[in-house]
Amino acid sequence: MTMFEVWGPRVERMRVQVDGTAHDMERDADGFWRAEVPTQGDVDYGFLLDDDEHPVPDPRSRRQPEGVHGLSRTFDPAQHDWQDGDWRGIELRDGIVYELHLGTFTPEGTFDAA
C-alpha cells in the first residue's frame, strides 16, 4: 500500500492515477487530499484535478524519470541499495552559499507574489 497526498485547497475533486488507473482521494479541512492505494514496487503516478483527464506530476515528488512535466514515480529510500556510506560531506569552508533575488527577473526590479 502507498499513501498519496497532495495539497489542493481550490480543487473540487482530486484523483490519483497510479499505473494508468484513477483512484478517488479524500479531502481534509486543510485542503490536503489523500488516498491509500495498493501498490507493489515503484509505480508511476500523477494527480487528476477536478475533471481533467491529464495527470500532473506530484509537486513533492522525489523522482521524475520523465522530467518535470512527466509522471512522478514512487521511491522508497529504505529499499534502495545505498553505496555512499563512506561519504562524510564537505567542510563548511568548502561550501557555497548562493543568494538569489527574484526581483532581478522583473523589469521593475521587484517581485510581487500576489
Protein backbone atom coordinates (compact mmCIF):
# COMPACT_ATOMS: atom_id res chain seq x y z
CA MET A 1 0.00 0.00 0.00
CA THR A 2 1.14 3.52 -0.78
CA MET A 3 -0.30 6.71 0.72
CA PHE A 4 -0.59 9.51 -1.83
CA GLU A 5 -1.07 13.05 -0.54
CA VAL A 6 -1.25 16.45 -2.19
CA TRP A 7 -2.41 19.92 -1.14
CA GLY A 8 -5.10 21.40 -3.38
CA PRO A 9 -7.35 23.78 -1.44
CA ARG A 10 -9.11 25.19 -4.53
CA VAL A 11 -9.78 21.86 -6.24
CA GLU A 12 -13.29 20.39 -6.01
CA ARG A 13 -12.28 16.83 -6.92
CA MET A 14 -8.92 15.07 -6.82
CA ARG A 15 -7.89 11.65 -8.04
CA VAL A 16 -4.52 9.95 -8.18
CA GLN A 17 -3.71 8.00 -11.31
CA VAL A 18 -1.45 5.06 -10.44
CA ASP A 19 -0.07 2.99 -13.32
CA GLY A 20 -2.95 4.18 -15.51
CA THR A 21 -5.80 3.60 -13.03
CA ALA A 22 -7.57 6.54 -11.31
CA HIS A 23 -8.37 6.39 -7.58
CA ASP A 24 -10.57 8.90 -5.74
CA MET A 25 -8.94 10.94 -2.98
CA GLU A 26 -10.48 12.36 0.20
CA ARG A 27 -10.03 15.99 1.26
CA ASP A 28 -9.43 17.16 4.82
CA ALA A 29 -10.33 20.53 6.36
CA ASP A 30 -6.89 21.98 5.49
CA GLY A 31 -7.14 21.23 1.77
CA PHE A 32 -4.96 18.10 1.73
CA TRP A 33 -6.15 15.20 -0.41
CA ARG A 34 -5.22 11.61 0.50
CA ALA A 35 -5.69 8.12 -0.88
CA GLU A 36 -4.14 4.82 0.10
CA VAL A 37 -3.66 2.65 -2.97
CA PRO A 38 -2.48 -0.98 -3.20
CA THR A 39 0.89 -0.99 -4.99
CA GLN A 40 3.85 -3.28 -5.50
CA GLY A 41 7.28 -1.83 -6.09
CA ASP A 42 7.78 1.57 -7.64
CA VAL A 43 4.81 2.93 -9.57
CA ASP A 44 4.23 5.88 -11.90
CA TYR A 45 1.56 8.31 -10.76
CA GLY A 46 0.07 11.75 -11.26
CA PHE A 47 -2.85 13.77 -9.95
CA LEU A 48 -6.09 14.43 -11.82
CA LEU A 49 -7.51 17.82 -10.81
CA ASP A 50 -11.26 18.30 -10.98
CA ASP A 51 -12.43 16.62 -14.21
CA ASP A 52 -9.17 16.94 -16.14
CA GLU A 53 -8.10 13.59 -17.59
CA HIS A 54 -4.44 14.64 -17.99
CA PRO A 55 -2.42 13.81 -14.86
CA VAL A 56 0.02 16.33 -13.44
CA PRO A 57 3.15 15.35 -11.51
CA ASP A 58 3.45 15.43 -7.75
CA PRO A 59 4.96 18.80 -6.70
CA ARG A 60 6.73 16.99 -3.82
CA SER A 61 7.94 14.02 -5.85
CA ARG A 62 11.34 12.53 -5.09
CA ARG A 63 11.61 11.05 -8.56
CA GLN A 64 10.68 12.38 -12.02
CA PRO A 65 12.13 9.90 -14.55
CA GLU A 66 10.41 11.63 -17.50
CA GLY A 67 11.32 15.17 -16.40
CA VAL A 68 9.33 17.86 -14.60
CA HIS A 69 6.27 17.54 -16.86
CA GLY A 70 6.10 13.73 -16.81
CA LEU A 71 4.55 11.40 -14.27
CA SER A 72 6.11 11.03 -10.86
CA ARG A 73 7.48 7.71 -9.64
CA THR A 74 7.42 6.43 -6.07
CA PHE A 75 10.74 5.87 -4.33
CA ASP A 76 11.34 4.07 -1.04
CA PRO A 77 14.78 5.06 0.29
CA ALA A 78 14.70 2.10 2.70
CA GLN A 79 14.61 -0.28 -0.29
CA HIS A 80 17.47 1.41 -2.16
CA ASP A 81 20.93 -0.20 -2.15
CA TRP A 82 22.88 2.82 -0.92
CA GLN A 83 26.60 2.77 -1.79
CA ASP A 84 27.75 6.06 -0.31
CA GLY A 85 28.23 5.03 3.34
CA ASP A 86 31.78 6.42 3.43
CA TRP A 87 30.76 9.91 2.28
CA ARG A 88 31.05 12.40 5.13
CA GLY A 89 30.06 15.64 3.44
CA ILE A 90 32.28 18.66 2.94
CA GLU A 91 33.85 21.19 5.27
CA LEU A 92 31.83 24.37 5.76
CA ARG A 93 34.72 26.42 4.33
CA ASP A 94 34.37 24.50 1.05
CA GLY A 95 30.62 25.13 0.76
CA ILE A 96 28.95 27.67 -1.47
CA VAL A 97 26.15 29.99 -0.39
CA TYR A 98 24.11 31.37 -3.26
CA GLU A 99 21.64 34.20 -2.76
CA LEU A 100 19.06 34.78 -5.47
CA HIS A 101 16.91 37.90 -5.61
CA LEU A 102 13.72 37.16 -7.52
CA GLY A 103 13.19 40.84 -8.19
CA THR A 104 16.09 40.84 -10.63
CA PHE A 105 13.90 38.85 -13.04
CA THR A 106 11.26 41.57 -13.34
CA PRO A 107 11.55 44.80 -15.35
CA GLU A 108 10.92 46.91 -12.23
CA GLY A 109 13.48 45.05 -10.13
CA THR A 110 10.79 44.00 -7.68
CA PHE A 111 8.84 40.85 -7.02
CA ASP A 112 5.15 40.79 -6.21
CA ALA A 113 3.92 37.30 -5.28
CA ALA A 114 0.27 38.39 -5.19
